[in-house]
Amino acid sequence: MDLDPALAEVIGSLPGVQGEVTAVEPLTLGITNRNFRVDVGGASFVVRLAGRDTDLLGIDREAENVAASAAAEAGVAPEVVAYLPELGALVTRFVVAEPLEPERLEDDPVLRAVVDAMRAIHGMPPIASTFDAFAVVRGYRTIAAERGVAIPAAYDDALEAAEAIAGALVGASGVDPRPCHNDFLNANLLWLDGRVIVVDYEYAGMGDVFFDLGNFSINNGISEDAQRRLLEHYFGHTTPANLARLQLFRVMSDFREAMWGVVQQAISTLDVDYVEYAERHFARCLETAADPRFGAWLADAPGEIS
């Protein structure tokens, strides 16, 4: 079987894995790296070949490996088989699981399972990297501008909303920074025997759990009723403050996604329309920030969350 040279080198470097490669299948859901399912020696693996210049996206590959390994130990991620930094590769066990379609997230048992997985991640040992959405969007702007990418006009309006959110949270009571996934896109959620498996820990870092909650809720389009139940399952109840923070971090999630799409226009070699991606997330970011309740969310956010 003819293999991509980079992929062949990774397969040949897997510890304790021998035998013939019987199948290679590109996995097309990823929009940063090249991903493959590889069957070799009677076992199945996922090989992730890192995209070019992904450090500019804030990805710390060492921290990703630590987080993915810890999540596997916690039972919410596939086993890490090999981390090969010299080859730009992370190899995990292939998990036979179902995609978790967004409409299923309205079902309470499924939503509870998501919260269980999220809490398991937030309960992992500390990792070396950090994630601050407010700093990320500014950093992405600098990187994009330095590489000649035009900054969308929507950036200034989104930044105004972000600054209001950051100001509202100064000195607010809350939770200490915890290991967070920071990329709860639907493609990263799998359903296996009544539990949720979370993949792709590239953006994992110590941060605010509300970013994970907001990121999950906005990217999966869950209803306002499901958003309330998400908080009830996570905290045991809903308060004006934790509901407000969820809404505000939905804004920050889309701002991050939009600026991620802007940076990708400068560095990615994948066939993805990152301009449309950025425009779509900017539009939703500003739509949420224009909600008549935005001022009330800012006022409520500093209150007690639990």
Protein backbone atom coordinates (compact mmCIF):
# COMPACT_ATOMS: atom_id res chain seq x y z
CA MET A 1 0.00 0.00 0.00
CA ASP A 2 1.36 3.41 -1.01
CA LEU A 3 1.40 5.71 1.99
CA ASP A 4 1.94 9.41 2.50
CA PRO A 5 5.66 9.56 3.45
CA ALA A 6 4.96 11.47 6.68
CA LEU A 7 2.25 9.01 7.66
CA ALA A 8 4.47 6.03 6.84
CA GLU A 9 7.23 7.39 9.07
CA VAL A 10 4.81 7.76 11.97
CA ILE A 11 3.44 4.25 11.55
CA GLY A 12 6.97 2.85 11.43
CA SER A 13 7.76 4.63 14.70
CA LEU A 14 4.84 3.33 16.76
CA PRO A 15 6.17 1.49 19.81
CA GLY A 16 5.19 -2.17 19.98
CA VAL A 17 3.11 -2.06 16.79
CA GLN A 18 4.06 -4.47 14.05
CA GLY A 19 2.35 -5.94 11.05
CA GLU A 20 0.92 -4.94 7.72
CA VAL A 21 -1.01 -1.75 7.17
CA THR A 22 -4.39 -3.01 5.97
CA ALA A 23 -6.35 0.25 5.70
CA VAL A 24 -5.86 4.00 5.73
CA GLU A 25 -8.83 6.35 5.83
CA PRO A 26 -8.54 10.15 5.90
CA LEU A 27 -10.74 11.67 8.60
CA THR A 28 -12.19 14.84 7.11
CA LEU A 29 -13.82 16.54 10.11
CA GLY A 30 -10.66 18.29 11.26
CA ILE A 31 -9.97 21.83 10.01
CA THR A 32 -6.46 22.35 11.42
CA ASN A 33 -4.46 19.14 10.94
CA ARG A 34 -4.40 16.05 8.74
CA ASN A 35 -6.04 13.08 10.46
CA PHE A 36 -6.13 9.42 9.46
CA ARG A 37 -7.58 6.19 10.71
CA VAL A 38 -4.89 3.56 10.25
CA ASP A 39 -5.39 -0.19 10.68
CA VAL A 40 -2.11 -1.98 11.29
CA GLY A 41 -1.13 -5.16 13.08
CA GLY A 42 -4.76 -5.98 13.86
CA ALA A 43 -5.38 -2.71 15.69
CA SER A 44 -6.85 0.65 14.69
CA PHE A 45 -5.36 4.05 15.45
CA VAL A 46 -5.96 7.72 14.73
CA VAL A 47 -2.85 9.49 13.50
CA ARG A 48 -2.91 13.28 13.75
CA LEU A 49 -0.27 15.08 11.68
CA ALA A 50 0.06 18.64 12.91
CA GLY A 51 -0.72 21.45 10.51
CA ARG A 52 1.85 24.06 9.55
CA ASP A 53 2.62 26.84 12.05
CA THR A 54 -0.11 25.73 14.44
CA ASP A 55 1.88 27.19 17.32
CA LEU A 56 0.61 30.55 16.03
CA LEU A 57 -2.88 29.39 16.98
CA GLY A 58 -1.73 29.01 20.57
CA ILE A 59 -1.37 25.24 20.37
CA ASP A 60 1.14 23.76 22.80
CA ARG A 61 1.77 20.20 21.62
CA GLU A 62 3.40 19.11 24.89
CA ALA A 63 0.40 20.34 26.86
CA GLU A 64 -1.94 18.68 24.37
CA ASN A 65 -0.27 15.34 24.97
CA VAL A 66 -0.43 15.76 28.74
CA ALA A 67 -4.09 16.79 28.63
CA ALA A 68 -5.11 14.03 26.22
CA SER A 69 -3.31 11.44 28.35
CA ALA A 70 -4.92 12.74 31.55
CA ALA A 71 -8.35 12.72 29.90
CA ALA A 72 -7.80 9.13 28.80
CA GLU A 73 -6.90 8.24 32.39
CA ALA A 74 -10.14 9.94 33.47
CA GLY A 75 -12.09 7.77 31.02
CA VAL A 76 -13.28 10.57 28.73
CA ALA A 77 -10.76 10.37 25.87
CA PRO A 78 -9.12 7.71 23.70
CA GLU A 79 -5.87 6.15 24.88
CA VAL A 80 -2.75 8.01 23.74
CA VAL A 81 -0.60 5.42 22.01
CA ALA A 82 2.32 7.62 21.04
CA TYR A 83 3.40 11.24 21.07
CA LEU A 84 6.06 11.82 18.42
CA PRO A 85 6.98 15.52 18.55
CA GLU A 86 9.87 15.08 16.13
CA LEU A 87 7.33 13.91 13.53
CA GLY A 88 4.59 16.34 14.51
CA ALA A 89 2.28 13.47 15.38
CA LEU A 90 -0.04 12.31 18.12
CA VAL A 91 -1.43 8.80 17.84
CA THR A 92 -4.47 7.63 19.76
CA ARG A 93 -6.47 4.43 19.85
CA PHE A 94 -9.37 4.46 17.40
CA VAL A 95 -12.65 4.33 19.31
CA VAL A 96 -15.69 2.75 17.71
CA ALA A 97 -18.31 5.27 18.79
CA GLU A 98 -21.24 7.23 17.39
CA PRO A 99 -21.15 10.88 16.40
CA LEU A 100 -23.14 12.90 18.94
CA GLU A 101 -25.64 14.78 16.81
CA PRO A 102 -26.54 18.25 18.16
CA GLU A 103 -30.26 17.51 18.43
CA ARG A 104 -29.53 14.72 20.91
CA LEU A 105 -28.08 17.26 23.32
CA GLU A 106 -31.60 18.42 24.17
CA ASP A 107 -32.17 15.00 25.82
CA ASP A 108 -31.40 15.28 29.51
CA PRO A 109 -29.47 11.99 29.91
CA VAL A 110 -27.19 12.99 27.04
CA LEU A 111 -26.71 16.49 28.44
CA ARG A 112 -25.86 14.99 31.82
CA ALA A 113 -23.28 12.76 30.15
CA VAL A 114 -21.69 15.82 28.52
CA VAL A 115 -21.47 17.51 31.92
CA ASP A 116 -19.96 14.37 33.44
CA ALA A 117 -17.23 14.42 30.77
CA MET A 118 -16.67 18.13 31.19
CA ARG A 119 -16.37 17.85 34.95
CA ALA A 120 -13.91 14.97 34.54
CA ILE A 121 -11.72 17.21 32.37
CA HIS A 122 -12.02 20.10 34.82
CA GLY A 123 -11.01 17.74 37.60
CA MET A 124 -7.76 16.63 35.95
CA PRO A 125 -4.37 17.56 37.44
CA PRO A 126 -3.12 21.03 36.45
CA ILE A 127 -1.38 21.33 33.08
CA ALA A 128 1.38 23.73 32.06
CA SER A 129 -0.50 25.76 29.44
CA THR A 130 -3.07 28.49 30.03
CA PHE A 131 -6.06 29.68 28.03
CA ASP A 132 -7.44 33.22 28.34
CA ALA A 133 -9.99 34.02 25.64
CA PHE A 134 -9.60 37.76 26.19
CA ALA A 135 -5.87 37.55 25.49
CA VAL A 136 -6.29 35.05 22.66
CA VAL A 137 -8.43 37.32 20.48
CA ARG A 138 -5.92 40.16 20.81
CA GLY A 139 -3.02 37.85 20.09
CA TYR A 140 -4.72 36.45 17.01
CA ARG A 141 -5.25 39.98 15.70
CA THR A 142 -1.55 40.76 16.03
CA ILE A 143 -0.51 37.53 14.31
CA ALA A 144 -2.96 37.99 11.44
CA ALA A 145 -1.98 41.61 10.87
CA GLU A 146 1.73 40.76 10.87
CA ARG A 147 1.06 38.24 8.12
CA GLY A 148 -0.91 40.59 5.95
CA VAL A 149 -4.44 39.38 6.64
CA ALA A 150 -7.04 42.15 6.63
CA ILE A 151 -8.71 42.44 10.01
CA PRO A 152 -12.51 42.38 9.58
CA ALA A 153 -14.36 45.54 10.55
CA ALA A 154 -16.42 43.43 12.96
CA TYR A 155 -13.34 43.01 15.15
CA ASP A 156 -13.70 46.44 16.76
CA ASP A 157 -17.34 45.87 17.71
CA ALA A 158 -16.53 42.43 19.09
CA LEU A 159 -13.60 43.83 21.05
CA GLU A 160 -15.86 46.46 22.60
CA ALA A 161 -18.17 43.69 23.83
CA ALA A 162 -15.20 41.66 25.08
CA GLU A 163 -13.84 44.59 27.04
CA ALA A 164 -17.22 45.11 28.67
CA ILE A 165 -17.32 41.43 29.63
CA ALA A 166 -13.79 41.49 31.02
CA GLY A 167 -14.60 44.62 33.01
CA ALA A 168 -17.72 43.03 34.48
CA LEU A 169 -15.70 40.05 35.70
CA VAL A 170 -12.89 42.00 37.38
CA GLY A 171 -12.83 40.93 41.01
CA ALA A 172 -15.85 38.66 40.56
CA SER A 173 -16.09 35.58 42.75
CA GLY A 174 -15.78 32.38 40.88
CA VAL A 175 -13.83 29.19 40.38
CA ASP A 176 -10.07 28.87 40.27
CA PRO A 177 -8.50 28.14 36.88
CA ARG A 178 -8.95 24.48 35.96
CA PRO A 179 -7.86 22.28 33.09
CA CYS A 180 -10.25 23.09 30.26
CA HIS A 181 -10.73 21.65 26.79
CA ASN A 182 -11.64 24.95 25.10
CA ASP A 183 -12.84 23.40 21.84
CA PHE A 184 -16.20 21.73 22.37
CA LEU A 185 -17.13 21.63 18.70
CA ASN A 186 -19.65 18.95 17.82
CA ALA A 187 -17.02 17.03 15.84
CA ASN A 188 -15.06 16.55 19.08
CA LEU A 189 -17.91 14.74 20.89
CA LEU A 190 -18.55 11.01 20.58
CA TRP A 191 -21.17 8.77 22.18
CA LEU A 192 -20.00 5.43 23.55
CA ASP A 193 -22.09 3.10 25.71
CA GLY A 194 -24.06 5.88 27.40
CA ARG A 195 -21.13 8.22 27.99
CA VAL A 196 -19.41 11.03 26.13
CA ILE A 197 -15.88 10.77 24.77
CA VAL A 198 -14.13 14.06 24.03
CA VAL A 199 -11.33 14.21 21.47
CA ASP A 200 -8.86 16.87 20.30
CA TYR A 201 -7.05 18.54 23.22
CA GLU A 202 -5.01 20.99 21.14
CA TYR A 203 -6.31 24.05 22.95
CA ALA A 204 -6.36 22.55 26.43
CA GLY A 205 -5.12 24.86 29.15
CA MET A 206 -5.80 26.17 32.61
CA GLY A 207 -8.73 28.54 32.33
CA ASP A 208 -12.29 29.50 33.18
CA VAL A 209 -14.78 26.63 33.15
CA PHE A 210 -17.39 29.05 31.82
CA PHE A 211 -15.50 29.21 28.54
CA ASP A 212 -16.04 25.45 28.13
CA LEU A 213 -19.69 25.80 29.10
CA GLY A 214 -20.27 28.71 26.75
CA ASN A 215 -18.20 27.18 23.96
CA PHE A 216 -20.14 23.91 24.16
CA SER A 217 -23.54 25.58 24.31
CA ILE A 218 -23.02 28.01 21.40
CA ASN A 219 -21.18 25.60 19.10
CA ASN A 220 -23.82 22.92 19.51
CA GLY A 221 -26.77 25.29 19.29
CA ILE A 222 -28.55 24.04 22.40
CA SER A 223 -31.80 25.76 23.40
CA GLU A 224 -32.14 28.20 26.29
CA ASP A 225 -33.91 25.47 28.25
CA ALA A 226 -30.96 23.14 27.68
CA GLN A 227 -28.57 25.92 28.67
CA ARG A 228 -30.33 26.21 32.02
CA ARG A 229 -30.23 22.45 32.50
CA LEU A 230 -26.53 22.46 31.57
CA LEU A 231 -25.88 24.81 34.49
CA GLU A 232 -28.12 22.86 36.82
CA HIS A 233 -26.24 19.65 36.06
CA TYR A 234 -22.85 21.34 36.43
CA PHE A 235 -23.46 23.49 39.53
CA GLY A 236 -26.55 21.85 41.05
CA HIS A 237 -28.71 24.90 40.34
CA THR A 238 -29.00 28.01 38.18
CA THR A 239 -28.27 31.49 39.51
CA PRO A 240 -28.49 34.85 37.73
CA ALA A 241 -24.70 35.02 37.87
CA ASN A 242 -23.88 31.64 36.37
CA LEU A 243 -26.55 32.09 33.70
CA ALA A 244 -25.09 35.51 32.85
CA ARG A 245 -21.54 34.18 32.65
CA LEU A 246 -22.67 31.39 30.36
CA GLN A 247 -24.20 33.94 27.97
CA LEU A 248 -21.17 36.22 28.08
CA PHE A 249 -18.77 33.40 27.35
CA ARG A 250 -20.94 32.39 24.41
CA VAL A 251 -19.97 35.80 23.01
CA MET A 252 -16.29 35.17 23.78
CA SER A 253 -16.43 31.71 22.22
CA ASP A 254 -17.60 33.09 18.90
CA PHE A 255 -15.09 35.94 19.06
CA ARG A 256 -12.30 33.39 19.53
CA GLU A 257 -13.63 31.21 16.68
CA ALA A 258 -13.90 34.22 14.37
CA MET A 259 -10.33 35.35 15.01
CA TRP A 260 -9.10 31.77 14.75
CA GLY A 261 -10.56 31.77 11.25
CA VAL A 262 -8.77 35.03 10.48
CA VAL A 263 -5.37 33.64 11.55
CA GLN A 264 -5.95 30.44 9.60
CA GLN A 265 -6.23 32.52 6.43
CA ALA A 266 -2.52 33.24 6.84
CA ILE A 267 -1.17 29.85 7.84
CA SER A 268 -3.37 26.93 6.76
CA THR A 269 -2.80 24.81 3.66
CA LEU A 270 -6.10 22.93 4.04
CA ASP A 271 -8.96 23.44 1.59
CA VAL A 272 -11.26 25.24 4.02
CA ASP A 273 -13.09 28.55 3.53
CA TYR A 274 -11.72 30.32 6.59
CA VAL A 275 -13.06 33.68 5.42
CA GLU A 276 -16.61 32.36 5.57
CA TYR A 277 -15.84 30.66 8.88
CA ALA A 278 -14.68 33.94 10.42
CA GLU A 279 -17.61 35.91 9.01
CA ARG A 280 -20.13 33.39 10.33
CA HIS A 281 -18.73 33.48 13.86
CA PHE A 282 -18.38 37.26 13.90
CA ALA A 283 -22.03 37.57 12.86
CA ARG A 284 -23.22 35.29 15.66
CA CYS A 285 -20.88 36.93 18.18
CA LEU A 286 -22.29 40.38 17.48
CA GLU A 287 -25.85 39.06 17.34
CA THR A 288 -25.48 37.66 20.87
CA ALA A 289 -23.80 40.84 22.11
CA ALA A 290 -26.72 42.84 20.68
CA ASP A 291 -29.25 40.85 22.74
CA PRO A 292 -31.37 43.28 24.83
CA ARG A 293 -30.35 41.27 27.90
CA PHE A 294 -26.61 41.93 27.40
CA GLY A 295 -26.55 44.78 29.92
CA ALA A 296 -28.33 42.65 32.50
CA TRP A 297 -25.84 39.83 31.93
CA LEU A 298 -22.97 42.26 32.60
CA ALA A 299 -24.68 43.41 35.80
CA ASP A 300 -25.45 39.88 37.02
CA ALA A 301 -22.14 38.23 36.12
CA PRO A 302 -20.16 39.31 39.24
CA GLY A 303 -22.65 37.63 41.58
CA GLU A 304 -22.43 34.25 43.28
CA ILE A 305 -22.31 31.39 40.79
CA SER A 306 -23.01 28.56 43.20
